Amino acid sequence: MLRKSLLVSLLATFGHLANAEAVPPMRDATRGELLYTTNCITCHQTQIHWRDKKVVKDWASLKAEIRHWEGFSQLGWTNDDVAEVAQYLNTLYYHFPKPY
């Protein structure tokens, strides 16, 4: 009886381990994504990024808009923070060529 219990326990344990490997690992959020979702998403829906009257037309105007609204909201972001959010939004919505 003890042997059967041990065998059942081992099978249950290894069965759960096999299932755990089948689940894809979660990706880490970027700094830009974290800044945006923490500070900006309350006023923005996805429509803001694909509306007809686009203010953002290239990489420079994307960064300028982020800087404008960051200043308006008094977030105190650094230039690196603005660049990180721009990279996140560009990857997600805009797909502008990034200047080097």
N, C-alpha and C. Protein backbone atom coordinates (compact mmCIF):
# COMPACT_ATOMS: atom_id res chain seq x y z
N MET A 1 0.82 -1.19 0.00
CA MET A 1 0.00 0.00 0.00
C MET A 1 0.86 1.25 0.00
N LEU A 2 1.91 1.26 0.81
CA LEU A 2 2.81 2.41 0.88
C LEU A 2 3.48 2.64 -0.47
N ARG A 3 3.82 1.54 -1.11
CA ARG A 3 4.47 1.62 -2.41
C ARG A 3 3.55 2.27 -3.44
N LYS A 4 2.26 1.89 -3.42
CA LYS A 4 1.29 2.48 -4.35
C LYS A 4 1.12 3.97 -4.09
N SER A 5 1.06 4.35 -2.82
CA SER A 5 0.90 5.76 -2.46
C SER A 5 2.09 6.57 -2.93
N LEU A 6 3.27 6.01 -2.76
CA LEU A 6 4.48 6.70 -3.20
C LEU A 6 4.50 6.84 -4.71
N LEU A 7 4.11 5.79 -5.41
CA LEU A 7 4.08 5.82 -6.86
C LEU A 7 3.06 6.86 -7.37
N VAL A 8 1.90 6.90 -6.77
CA VAL A 8 0.87 7.87 -7.15
C VAL A 8 1.37 9.29 -6.89
N SER A 9 2.02 9.51 -5.76
CA SER A 9 2.55 10.83 -5.43
C SER A 9 3.61 11.26 -6.42
N LEU A 10 4.49 10.36 -6.77
CA LEU A 10 5.54 10.69 -7.74
C LEU A 10 4.95 11.01 -9.11
N LEU A 11 3.99 10.22 -9.54
CA LEU A 11 3.37 10.47 -10.83
C LEU A 11 2.65 11.82 -10.84
N ALA A 12 1.97 12.12 -9.77
CA ALA A 12 1.26 13.40 -9.68
C ALA A 12 2.26 14.56 -9.70
N THR A 13 3.35 14.42 -8.98
CA THR A 13 4.36 15.48 -8.93
C THR A 13 5.00 15.69 -10.29
N PHE A 14 5.44 14.62 -10.93
CA PHE A 14 6.09 14.76 -12.23
C PHE A 14 5.11 15.17 -13.31
N GLY A 15 3.87 14.78 -13.17
CA GLY A 15 2.84 15.23 -14.12
C GLY A 15 2.66 16.72 -14.06
N HIS A 16 2.66 17.31 -12.84
CA HIS A 16 2.53 18.75 -12.69
C HIS A 16 3.76 19.47 -13.21
N LEU A 17 4.94 18.88 -13.03
CA LEU A 17 6.16 19.50 -13.54
C LEU A 17 6.15 19.53 -15.06
N ALA A 18 5.65 18.48 -15.68
CA ALA A 18 5.58 18.46 -17.14
C ALA A 18 4.64 19.53 -17.65
N ASN A 19 3.52 19.73 -16.98
CA ASN A 19 2.58 20.77 -17.38
C ASN A 19 3.16 22.16 -17.17
N ALA A 20 3.96 22.33 -16.13
CA ALA A 20 4.55 23.64 -15.85
C ALA A 20 5.49 24.07 -16.96
N GLU A 21 6.19 23.13 -17.57
CA GLU A 21 7.09 23.45 -18.68
C GLU A 21 6.32 23.81 -19.94
N ALA A 22 5.09 23.37 -20.07
CA ALA A 22 4.31 23.65 -21.27
C ALA A 22 3.78 25.08 -21.28
N VAL A 23 3.72 25.73 -20.14
CA VAL A 23 3.23 27.10 -20.05
C VAL A 23 4.35 28.04 -20.50
N PRO A 24 4.07 28.93 -21.48
CA PRO A 24 5.13 29.83 -21.92
C PRO A 24 5.53 30.80 -20.82
N PRO A 25 6.79 31.14 -20.74
CA PRO A 25 7.22 32.06 -19.68
C PRO A 25 6.66 33.46 -19.94
N MET A 26 6.38 34.18 -18.85
CA MET A 26 5.91 35.55 -19.00
C MET A 26 7.08 36.43 -19.42
N ARG A 27 6.80 37.42 -20.25
CA ARG A 27 7.86 38.33 -20.65
C ARG A 27 7.95 39.45 -19.63
N ASP A 28 9.12 40.01 -19.52
CA ASP A 28 9.32 41.15 -18.63
C ASP A 28 8.87 42.41 -19.35
N ALA A 29 8.14 43.26 -18.67
CA ALA A 29 7.73 44.53 -19.23
C ALA A 29 8.95 45.44 -19.34
N THR A 30 8.98 46.24 -20.38
CA THR A 30 10.06 47.20 -20.54
C THR A 30 9.83 48.38 -19.61
N ARG A 31 10.86 49.16 -19.39
CA ARG A 31 10.72 50.36 -18.56
C ARG A 31 9.72 51.32 -19.20
N GLY A 32 9.77 51.46 -20.52
CA GLY A 32 8.84 52.34 -21.21
C GLY A 32 7.40 51.89 -21.02
N GLU A 33 7.17 50.60 -21.10
CA GLU A 33 5.82 50.07 -20.89
C GLU A 33 5.35 50.34 -19.48
N LEU A 34 6.22 50.13 -18.51
CA LEU A 34 5.85 50.37 -17.11
C LEU A 34 5.54 51.85 -16.86
N LEU A 35 6.37 52.74 -17.41
CA LEU A 35 6.12 54.17 -17.25
C LEU A 35 4.79 54.56 -17.89
N TYR A 36 4.54 54.05 -19.09
CA TYR A 36 3.32 54.40 -19.81
C TYR A 36 2.08 53.86 -19.09
N THR A 37 2.11 52.60 -18.71
CA THR A 37 0.93 52.01 -18.08
C THR A 37 0.69 52.57 -16.69
N THR A 38 1.73 53.01 -16.03
CA THR A 38 1.58 53.58 -14.69
C THR A 38 1.08 55.02 -14.75
N ASN A 39 1.56 55.80 -15.71
CA ASN A 39 1.31 57.24 -15.71
C ASN A 39 0.40 57.76 -16.81
N CYS A 40 0.23 57.03 -17.89
CA CYS A 40 -0.45 57.60 -19.06
C CYS A 40 -1.77 56.92 -19.42
N ILE A 41 -1.89 55.66 -19.12
CA ILE A 41 -3.02 54.87 -19.59
C ILE A 41 -4.35 55.35 -19.03
N THR A 42 -4.34 56.05 -17.91
CA THR A 42 -5.60 56.52 -17.34
C THR A 42 -6.29 57.53 -18.25
N CYS A 43 -5.52 58.28 -19.02
CA CYS A 43 -6.11 59.27 -19.94
C CYS A 43 -6.15 58.78 -21.38
N HIS A 44 -5.41 57.75 -21.70
CA HIS A 44 -5.30 57.28 -23.08
C HIS A 44 -5.96 55.93 -23.25
N GLN A 45 -6.66 55.80 -24.36
CA GLN A 45 -7.05 54.48 -24.83
C GLN A 45 -6.23 54.25 -26.10
N THR A 46 -6.34 53.08 -26.67
CA THR A 46 -5.56 52.81 -27.88
C THR A 46 -5.95 53.75 -29.02
N GLN A 47 -7.17 54.28 -29.03
CA GLN A 47 -7.59 55.16 -30.12
C GLN A 47 -6.70 56.39 -30.25
N ILE A 48 -6.14 56.84 -29.17
CA ILE A 48 -5.31 58.04 -29.20
C ILE A 48 -4.13 57.84 -30.15
N HIS A 49 -3.70 56.62 -30.33
CA HIS A 49 -2.52 56.34 -31.14
C HIS A 49 -2.85 56.04 -32.60
N TRP A 50 -4.12 55.86 -32.92
CA TRP A 50 -4.46 55.61 -34.32
C TRP A 50 -5.65 56.44 -34.79
N ARG A 51 -5.87 57.58 -34.18
CA ARG A 51 -6.97 58.45 -34.57
C ARG A 51 -6.66 59.13 -35.91
N ASP A 52 -7.70 59.72 -36.51
CA ASP A 52 -7.55 60.36 -37.82
C ASP A 52 -6.65 61.59 -37.78
N LYS A 53 -6.83 62.44 -36.77
CA LYS A 53 -6.03 63.66 -36.65
C LYS A 53 -4.75 63.36 -35.89
N LYS A 54 -3.80 62.77 -36.57
CA LYS A 54 -2.56 62.38 -35.90
C LYS A 54 -1.66 63.59 -35.68
N VAL A 55 -1.22 63.73 -34.47
CA VAL A 55 -0.24 64.75 -34.13
C VAL A 55 1.16 64.19 -34.34
N VAL A 56 1.32 62.92 -34.05
CA VAL A 56 2.61 62.24 -34.18
C VAL A 56 2.78 61.75 -35.61
N LYS A 57 3.84 62.22 -36.25
CA LYS A 57 4.08 61.86 -37.65
C LYS A 57 5.43 61.20 -37.88
N ASP A 58 6.32 61.28 -36.90
CA ASP A 58 7.64 60.67 -37.01
C ASP A 58 8.24 60.51 -35.62
N TRP A 59 9.46 60.00 -35.57
CA TRP A 59 10.12 59.73 -34.30
C TRP A 59 10.26 60.99 -33.45
N ALA A 60 10.67 62.09 -34.08
CA ALA A 60 10.88 63.35 -33.34
C ALA A 60 9.57 63.88 -32.76
N SER A 61 8.49 63.83 -33.53
CA SER A 61 7.21 64.32 -33.02
C SER A 61 6.64 63.39 -31.94
N LEU A 62 6.95 62.11 -32.02
CA LEU A 62 6.54 61.17 -30.97
C LEU A 62 7.20 61.55 -29.64
N LYS A 63 8.51 61.76 -29.68
CA LYS A 63 9.22 62.16 -28.46
C LYS A 63 8.75 63.52 -27.96
N ALA A 64 8.46 64.44 -28.88
CA ALA A 64 8.00 65.77 -28.48
C ALA A 64 6.64 65.69 -27.77
N GLU A 65 5.73 64.87 -28.28
CA GLU A 65 4.42 64.72 -27.64
C GLU A 65 4.54 64.07 -26.27
N ILE A 66 5.40 63.09 -26.15
CA ILE A 66 5.61 62.44 -24.85
C ILE A 66 6.18 63.47 -23.87
N ARG A 67 7.15 64.24 -24.31
CA ARG A 67 7.75 65.27 -23.45
C ARG A 67 6.70 66.31 -23.06
N HIS A 68 5.86 66.72 -24.02
CA HIS A 68 4.82 67.71 -23.73
C HIS A 68 3.88 67.21 -22.63
N TRP A 69 3.34 66.01 -22.79
CA TRP A 69 2.37 65.49 -21.82
C TRP A 69 3.01 65.08 -20.51
N GLU A 70 4.27 64.67 -20.56
CA GLU A 70 5.01 64.39 -19.34
C GLU A 70 5.16 65.67 -18.53
N GLY A 71 5.48 66.77 -19.21
CA GLY A 71 5.61 68.06 -18.53
C GLY A 71 4.28 68.55 -18.00
N PHE A 72 3.23 68.40 -18.81
CA PHE A 72 1.89 68.79 -18.39
C PHE A 72 1.47 68.05 -17.12
N SER A 73 1.84 66.78 -17.06
CA SER A 73 1.47 65.94 -15.91
C SER A 73 2.47 66.07 -14.76
N GLN A 74 3.53 66.82 -14.97
CA GLN A 74 4.56 67.06 -13.95
C GLN A 74 5.13 65.75 -13.40
N LEU A 75 5.53 64.87 -14.32
CA LEU A 75 6.05 63.56 -13.92
C LEU A 75 7.54 63.60 -13.59
N GLY A 76 8.25 64.58 -14.11
CA GLY A 76 9.68 64.68 -13.81
C GLY A 76 10.53 63.62 -14.49
N TRP A 77 10.13 63.18 -15.69
CA TRP A 77 10.88 62.16 -16.40
C TRP A 77 12.19 62.72 -16.94
N THR A 78 13.17 61.85 -17.04
CA THR A 78 14.44 62.18 -17.67
C THR A 78 14.30 62.00 -19.19
N ASN A 79 15.32 62.43 -19.92
CA ASN A 79 15.34 62.20 -21.37
C ASN A 79 15.32 60.70 -21.67
N ASP A 80 15.98 59.92 -20.84
CA ASP A 80 15.97 58.46 -21.02
C ASP A 80 14.57 57.88 -20.81
N ASP A 81 13.84 58.40 -19.84
CA ASP A 81 12.47 57.94 -19.62
C ASP A 81 11.60 58.23 -20.84
N VAL A 82 11.72 59.44 -21.37
CA VAL A 82 10.95 59.82 -22.57
C VAL A 82 11.32 58.90 -23.73
N ALA A 83 12.60 58.63 -23.91
CA ALA A 83 13.05 57.75 -24.99
C ALA A 83 12.52 56.33 -24.80
N GLU A 84 12.47 55.86 -23.57
CA GLU A 84 11.95 54.50 -23.30
C GLU A 84 10.46 54.40 -23.63
N VAL A 85 9.69 55.41 -23.25
CA VAL A 85 8.26 55.41 -23.56
C VAL A 85 8.06 55.53 -25.08
N ALA A 86 8.86 56.37 -25.72
CA ALA A 86 8.78 56.50 -27.18
C ALA A 86 9.07 55.17 -27.86
N GLN A 87 10.08 54.47 -27.38
CA GLN A 87 10.42 53.17 -27.97
C GLN A 87 9.27 52.18 -27.78
N TYR A 88 8.68 52.17 -26.61
CA TYR A 88 7.55 51.28 -26.35
C TYR A 88 6.38 51.58 -27.27
N LEU A 89 5.99 52.86 -27.37
CA LEU A 89 4.86 53.23 -28.22
C LEU A 89 5.17 53.03 -29.69
N ASN A 90 6.40 53.29 -30.07
CA ASN A 90 6.78 53.09 -31.47
C ASN A 90 6.70 51.61 -31.85
N THR A 91 7.16 50.76 -30.97
CA THR A 91 7.10 49.32 -31.22
C THR A 91 5.66 48.83 -31.29
N LEU A 92 4.82 49.37 -30.41
CA LEU A 92 3.45 48.91 -30.31
C LEU A 92 2.54 49.48 -31.39
N TYR A 93 2.68 50.77 -31.72
CA TYR A 93 1.72 51.44 -32.59
C TYR A 93 2.29 52.05 -33.87
N TYR A 94 3.39 52.76 -33.78
CA TYR A 94 3.78 53.65 -34.86
C TYR A 94 4.71 53.05 -35.91
N HIS A 95 5.71 52.34 -35.49
CA HIS A 95 6.67 51.68 -36.39
C HIS A 95 7.46 52.67 -37.24
N PHE A 96 7.84 53.80 -36.66
CA PHE A 96 8.69 54.75 -37.35
C PHE A 96 10.13 54.23 -37.33
N PRO A 97 10.89 54.58 -38.36
CA PRO A 97 12.33 54.24 -38.28
C PRO A 97 12.96 55.09 -37.18
N LYS A 98 13.72 54.44 -36.34
CA LYS A 98 14.34 55.15 -35.23
C LYS A 98 15.71 55.69 -35.69
N PRO A 99 15.93 56.99 -35.50
CA PRO A 99 17.23 57.54 -35.89
C PRO A 99 18.32 57.02 -34.95
N TYR A 100 19.52 56.89 -35.49
CA TYR A 100 20.62 56.35 -34.68
C TYR A 100 21.55 57.42 -34.26
